[in-house]
Protein backbone atom coordinates (compact mmCIF):
# COMPACT_ATOMS: atom_id res chain seq x y z
CA MET A 1 35.23 -4.15 -73.54
CA MET A 2 36.60 -3.83 -70.03
CA ARG A 3 39.16 -6.08 -68.40
CA ALA A 4 40.05 -5.97 -64.74
CA TRP A 5 43.01 -7.37 -62.86
CA MET A 6 43.48 -7.64 -59.14
CA VAL A 7 46.64 -5.94 -57.84
CA ASP A 8 48.51 -7.91 -55.18
CA ARG A 9 51.28 -6.75 -52.92
CA PRO A 10 54.49 -6.98 -54.96
CA GLY A 11 57.09 -9.62 -54.11
CA PRO A 12 60.80 -9.77 -54.86
CA ILE A 13 61.17 -10.27 -58.61
CA ASP A 14 64.34 -12.33 -58.16
CA GLN A 15 62.28 -15.00 -56.37
CA HIS A 16 60.25 -15.64 -59.52
CA PRO A 17 61.38 -18.87 -61.25
CA LEU A 18 60.88 -17.34 -64.70
CA ARG A 19 60.56 -13.74 -65.85
CA LEU A 20 56.87 -14.07 -66.66
CA ILE A 21 54.07 -11.52 -66.76
CA ASP A 22 52.69 -11.44 -63.22
CA ARG A 23 49.33 -11.57 -61.39
CA HIS A 24 46.51 -14.02 -61.22
CA GLU A 25 43.03 -12.54 -60.69
CA ILE A 26 41.89 -11.78 -64.23
CA VAL A 27 38.43 -10.98 -65.57
CA GLY A 28 37.49 -10.41 -69.19
CA MET A 29 35.83 -11.73 -72.32
CA VAL A 30 36.83 -14.76 -74.37
CA ASP A 31 38.40 -13.47 -77.60
CA GLU A 32 39.42 -16.82 -79.06
CA VAL A 33 39.22 -20.54 -78.22
CA GLY A 34 41.87 -23.10 -79.06
CA PRO A 35 41.48 -25.83 -81.71
CA ASP A 36 41.19 -28.55 -79.07
CA SER A 37 38.60 -26.71 -76.98
CA SER A 38 35.80 -28.82 -75.53
CA GLY A 39 33.29 -26.05 -76.17
CA ARG A 40 32.98 -25.11 -72.51
CA PHE A 41 33.36 -21.45 -73.46
CA ARG A 42 32.58 -19.50 -76.59
CA VAL A 43 33.87 -16.23 -77.95
CA GLY A 44 32.25 -13.40 -76.02
CA ASP A 45 31.73 -15.35 -72.79
CA HIS A 46 32.53 -13.53 -69.56
CA VAL A 47 35.19 -15.48 -67.60
CA GLY A 48 37.56 -15.24 -64.67
CA ILE A 49 41.04 -16.75 -64.30
CA ALA A 50 42.32 -17.55 -60.82
CA TRP A 51 45.61 -18.60 -59.16
CA LEU A 52 45.22 -22.35 -59.77
CA GLY A 53 45.95 -22.65 -63.48
CA GLY A 54 46.25 -26.42 -63.88
CA THR A 55 46.87 -29.74 -62.17
CA CYS A 56 48.27 -33.08 -63.27
CA GLY A 57 44.96 -34.87 -62.71
CA THR A 58 46.70 -38.16 -61.92
CA CYS A 59 48.51 -37.87 -58.57
CA ARG A 60 46.95 -39.28 -55.41
CA PHE A 61 45.75 -35.85 -54.34
CA CYS A 62 43.99 -35.09 -57.62
CA ALA A 63 42.48 -38.58 -57.62
CA SER A 64 41.01 -38.02 -54.16
CA GLY A 65 39.45 -34.62 -54.88
CA ARG A 66 42.28 -32.62 -53.26
CA GLU A 67 43.69 -30.97 -56.34
CA ASN A 68 44.84 -27.99 -54.28
CA LEU A 69 47.57 -30.34 -53.02
CA CYS A 70 48.53 -31.56 -56.52
CA GLU A 71 52.15 -32.64 -56.81
CA ARG A 72 52.59 -30.96 -60.22
CA PRO A 73 50.34 -27.87 -60.31
CA THR A 74 50.69 -24.77 -62.45
CA PHE A 75 49.78 -21.29 -61.27
CA THR A 76 48.66 -18.24 -63.22
CA GLY A 77 51.31 -15.54 -63.30
CA TRP A 78 53.92 -17.92 -61.88
CA ASP A 79 54.13 -20.86 -64.29
CA THR A 80 52.12 -19.21 -67.08
CA GLU A 81 51.73 -15.61 -68.21
CA GLY A 82 49.51 -13.59 -65.90
CA GLY A 83 47.21 -10.60 -65.86
CA TYR A 84 49.55 -7.65 -66.36
CA ALA A 85 49.04 -7.97 -70.10
CA GLU A 86 46.38 -7.07 -72.66
CA TYR A 87 45.63 -10.75 -73.30
CA ALA A 88 46.00 -13.95 -71.26
CA VAL A 89 45.83 -17.63 -72.21
CA ALA A 90 44.13 -20.06 -69.81
CA ASN A 91 43.19 -23.73 -69.56
CA GLU A 92 39.42 -23.74 -70.10
CA GLU A 93 38.95 -26.33 -67.34
CA PHE A 94 40.41 -23.91 -64.79
CA ALA A 95 38.53 -20.78 -65.88
CA TYR A 96 35.28 -19.73 -64.25
CA PRO A 97 32.12 -18.43 -65.88
CA VAL A 98 31.30 -15.09 -64.26
CA PRO A 99 27.89 -15.19 -62.56
CA PRO A 100 25.27 -12.81 -63.98
CA GLY A 101 25.01 -9.44 -62.30
CA LEU A 102 28.67 -9.18 -61.26
CA ALA A 103 30.82 -6.48 -62.85
CA ASP A 104 34.47 -7.05 -63.76
CA LEU A 105 35.55 -4.65 -61.03
CA ASP A 106 33.64 -6.70 -58.44
CA VAL A 107 34.72 -10.12 -59.68
CA ALA A 108 38.51 -9.63 -59.85
CA PRO A 109 39.05 -9.60 -56.05
CA LEU A 110 36.81 -12.65 -55.66
CA LEU A 111 39.10 -14.88 -57.70
CA CYS A 112 41.85 -15.24 -55.10
CA ALA A 113 41.06 -13.21 -51.99
CA GLY A 114 37.49 -14.45 -52.09
CA ILE A 115 38.12 -18.06 -53.02
CA ILE A 116 40.91 -18.63 -50.49
CA GLY A 117 38.83 -16.92 -47.82
CA TYR A 118 35.98 -19.28 -48.65
CA ARG A 119 38.23 -22.32 -48.35
CA SER A 120 39.57 -21.01 -45.05
CA LEU A 121 36.03 -20.56 -43.75
CA ARG A 122 35.17 -24.14 -44.63
CA ARG A 123 38.45 -25.42 -43.16
CA ALA A 124 37.61 -23.61 -39.92
CA GLU A 125 34.46 -25.78 -39.67
CA LEU A 126 32.22 -22.99 -38.40
CA PRO A 127 28.90 -24.51 -37.28
CA PRO A 128 25.62 -22.98 -38.49
CA GLY A 129 24.94 -19.79 -36.56
CA GLY A 130 28.35 -20.07 -34.90
CA ARG A 131 30.80 -17.53 -33.52
CA LEU A 132 33.68 -16.70 -35.87
CA GLY A 133 36.84 -14.74 -35.10
CA ILE A 134 38.69 -13.06 -37.96
CA TYR A 135 42.26 -11.90 -37.32
CA GLY A 136 43.42 -9.26 -39.78
CA PHE A 137 40.98 -7.48 -42.08
CA GLY A 138 42.36 -7.10 -45.59
CA ALA A 139 40.62 -7.95 -48.86
CA SER A 140 40.22 -11.68 -48.16
CA ALA A 141 38.97 -11.22 -44.60
CA ASN A 142 36.52 -8.55 -45.77
CA LEU A 143 34.88 -10.95 -48.23
CA THR A 144 34.93 -13.89 -45.82
CA ALA A 145 33.25 -11.84 -43.11
CA GLN A 146 30.47 -10.82 -45.49
CA LEU A 147 29.80 -14.45 -46.42
CA ALA A 148 29.87 -15.69 -42.83
CA ILE A 149 27.45 -12.94 -41.75
CA ALA A 150 25.16 -13.71 -44.71
CA GLU A 151 25.13 -17.36 -43.60
CA GLY A 152 24.06 -16.41 -40.08
CA ALA A 153 27.34 -16.32 -38.13
CA ARG A 154 28.28 -13.84 -35.42
CA VAL A 155 31.60 -12.40 -36.57
CA HIS A 156 34.20 -10.79 -34.31
CA VAL A 157 37.04 -8.98 -36.09
CA LEU A 158 40.43 -8.53 -34.41
CA THR A 159 42.76 -6.20 -36.27
CA ARG A 160 45.18 -3.37 -35.56
CA ALA A 161 43.89 -0.69 -37.96
CA PRO A 162 41.08 1.56 -36.66
CA GLU A 163 39.74 2.12 -40.19
CA ALA A 164 39.56 -1.65 -40.75
CA ARG A 165 37.65 -2.08 -37.48
CA ALA A 166 35.22 0.63 -38.56
CA LEU A 167 34.71 -1.11 -41.93
CA ALA A 168 34.10 -4.45 -40.20
CA LEU A 169 31.35 -2.94 -38.05
CA HIS A 170 29.86 -1.25 -41.11
CA LEU A 171 29.68 -4.64 -42.85
CA GLY A 172 27.82 -6.17 -39.92
CA ALA A 173 30.45 -7.63 -37.61
CA SER A 174 29.23 -8.13 -34.05
CA SER A 175 32.40 -6.58 -32.63
CA ALA A 176 35.78 -5.24 -33.73
CA GLY A 177 38.80 -4.99 -31.45
CA GLY A 178 42.58 -4.92 -31.43
CA ALA A 179 44.50 -7.80 -32.99
CA SER A 180 45.63 -9.37 -29.71
CA GLU A 181 42.49 -8.61 -27.68
CA MET A 182 40.06 -11.30 -26.57
CA PRO A 183 36.70 -11.28 -28.35
CA PRO A 184 33.59 -10.66 -26.22
CA GLU A 185 32.59 -14.34 -26.34
CA PRO A 186 34.33 -17.70 -26.92
CA LEU A 187 34.73 -18.61 -30.59
CA ASP A 188 33.56 -21.74 -32.38
CA ALA A 189 36.06 -21.07 -35.17
CA ALA A 190 38.70 -18.54 -36.15
CA ILE A 191 40.65 -17.60 -39.27
CA LEU A 192 44.05 -15.95 -39.17
CA PHE A 193 44.54 -13.75 -42.25
CA ALA A 194 47.33 -11.57 -40.87
CA PRO A 195 50.79 -13.13 -41.55
CA VAL A 196 51.74 -12.71 -37.89
CA GLY A 197 52.66 -15.91 -36.08
CA GLU A 198 52.31 -14.28 -32.66
CA LEU A 199 48.55 -14.01 -33.23
CA VAL A 200 48.20 -17.81 -33.30
CA LEU A 201 48.34 -17.87 -29.50
CA PRO A 202 45.54 -15.37 -28.73
CA ALA A 203 43.43 -16.86 -31.52
CA LEU A 204 43.73 -20.37 -30.07
CA ALA A 205 43.11 -19.04 -26.56
CA ALA A 206 39.90 -17.39 -27.80
CA LEU A 207 38.48 -20.69 -29.09
CA ASP A 208 35.80 -22.53 -27.18
CA ARG A 209 36.17 -26.27 -26.61
CA GLY A 210 36.37 -28.13 -29.90
CA GLY A 211 37.05 -24.96 -31.89
CA THR A 212 39.27 -24.72 -34.97
CA LEU A 213 41.78 -22.08 -36.08
CA ALA A 214 42.54 -22.01 -39.82
CA ILE A 215 45.59 -20.10 -41.05
CA ALA A 216 44.74 -18.61 -44.43
CA GLY A 217 48.03 -17.19 -45.68
CA ILE A 218 50.84 -18.76 -47.68
CA TYR A 219 53.32 -17.03 -45.39
CA LEU A 220 53.39 -16.74 -41.59
CA SER A 221 56.10 -15.44 -39.30
CA ASP A 222 57.34 -17.84 -36.62
CA VAL A 223 54.79 -19.06 -34.11
CA PRO A 224 55.84 -18.73 -30.46
CA SER A 225 55.84 -21.78 -28.19
CA LEU A 226 52.36 -23.10 -27.42
CA ASN A 227 51.08 -23.93 -23.97
CA TYR A 228 49.22 -27.19 -24.40
CA ALA A 229 46.63 -26.55 -21.68
CA ALA A 230 45.93 -22.96 -22.70
CA HIS A 231 46.03 -23.33 -26.47
CA LEU A 232 45.29 -26.90 -27.64
CA PHE A 233 43.66 -28.91 -24.87
CA GLU A 234 39.92 -29.65 -25.02
CA GLU A 235 40.24 -30.68 -28.68
CA ARG A 236 41.09 -27.33 -30.19
CA THR A 237 42.46 -27.72 -33.72
CA LEU A 238 45.11 -25.74 -35.63
CA ARG A 239 45.24 -26.22 -39.41
CA SER A 240 46.70 -24.56 -42.49
CA VAL A 241 45.11 -23.75 -45.83
CA THR A 242 46.77 -24.48 -49.18
CA ALA A 243 45.47 -22.93 -52.42
CA ASN A 244 42.00 -24.04 -53.50
CA THR A 245 40.16 -26.52 -55.64
CA ARG A 246 38.02 -25.61 -58.63
CA ARG A 247 34.99 -26.69 -56.63
CA ASP A 248 35.87 -24.07 -54.01
CA GLY A 249 35.89 -21.42 -56.72
CA GLU A 250 32.61 -22.54 -58.25
CA GLU A 251 30.85 -22.69 -54.89
CA PHE A 252 32.16 -19.33 -53.74
CA LEU A 253 31.25 -17.45 -56.94
CA GLU A 254 27.72 -18.83 -56.75
CA LEU A 255 27.42 -17.75 -53.10
CA ALA A 256 28.95 -14.34 -53.86
CA SER A 257 26.30 -13.79 -56.52
CA ARG A 258 23.46 -15.04 -54.30
CA HIS A 259 24.45 -12.98 -51.24
CA ALA A 260 25.73 -9.91 -53.14
CA ILE A 261 29.23 -10.26 -51.69
CA ARG A 262 31.31 -7.29 -52.81
CA ALA A 263 34.86 -6.19 -52.14
CA THR A 264 35.73 -2.67 -51.11
CA VAL A 265 37.52 -1.68 -54.32
CA THR A 266 39.92 1.08 -55.32
CA PRO A 267 40.18 1.14 -59.15
CA TYR A 268 43.28 2.33 -61.02
CA PRO A 269 43.70 2.71 -64.79
CA MET A 270 46.20 0.26 -66.26
CA THR A 271 48.53 3.17 -67.04
CA GLU A 272 48.87 3.81 -63.29
CA ALA A 273 49.87 0.29 -62.27
CA ASP A 274 53.08 1.55 -60.66
CA ARG A 275 51.12 3.96 -58.45
CA ALA A 276 48.74 1.16 -57.44
CA LEU A 277 51.64 -1.06 -56.37
CA THR A 278 53.28 1.79 -54.46
CA ASP A 279 50.02 2.60 -52.67
CA LEU A 280 49.70 -1.05 -51.67
CA ALA A 281 53.26 -1.19 -50.40
CA TYR A 282 52.61 1.82 -48.15
CA ASP A 283 49.14 0.69 -46.95
CA ARG A 284 47.37 3.52 -48.74
CA VAL A 285 44.61 1.29 -50.16
CA THR A 286 41.45 0.32 -48.28
CA GLY A 287 40.21 -3.04 -49.49
CA ALA A 288 41.33 -4.27 -52.93
CA ALA A 289 43.22 -2.38 -55.64
CA VAL A 290 42.05 -3.30 -59.15
CA LEU A 291 43.63 -2.35 -62.46
CA VAL A 292 41.11 -1.58 -65.20
CA ASN A 293 41.89 -1.65 -68.92
CA ASP A 294 39.18 -0.36 -71.24
CA LEU A 295 39.99 -2.19 -74.46
CA ALA A 296 37.08 -0.54 -76.26
CA GLY A 297 38.59 2.88 -75.72
């Protein structure tokens, strides 16, 4: 049996509300179900556990289908024990069946980087066959670009790293330039994945009339002053993205299976988790780092 966990960039441990086991993109097999289980999963089923671990189900946001804005949510690896362990416990209603044909190593990066990228793409309101700008090209942007291209979009990637620009072109992007450069054509929509507030201005300026910029990250450095005429006039829209709903996850995993969306993955054995985190901290990983634990061995 193999289990895979996505490795995220480490954060300050003293900011964690409880000293819990960390991380939240977990893939494995069901070993046991609880006594109150509804029967949604059985022992041996292949499942994934994502960041959103639970919601209250009763607040006005949950009641209106916006559970990503729940007033009392719980998150995997933050409120409950996460993936840096041999076993994890999850609410069956917030676990995902893994689509056929996807290996653990491929699925782990889809469960946060992929799902939040999918929500960002939908929040950006890209029209069919439209022109999409992607700012920054890490794991989430990589997956989002693949989906947008598969759905018929022309994708322009703006990022500082030459190797990331080369990867974007390899995946089918129409162009790849520097992070603050203008794309070769006006954009119908854009997504900012890089946590750099200064890039909000060139991204907005690159939008065509009526275009939308979605900010995908949970952190962004300060945004400089906007010029109304240059950045917002002609009904350009700036919006943020907060977590995801279960429906986002279900839709994205189905699309990832249908379009063969795959992350660029660097696997590490579980015994080398420290090296994986160090490599991430020093930008020595292309794409997604995934910890693999072979429980059968």
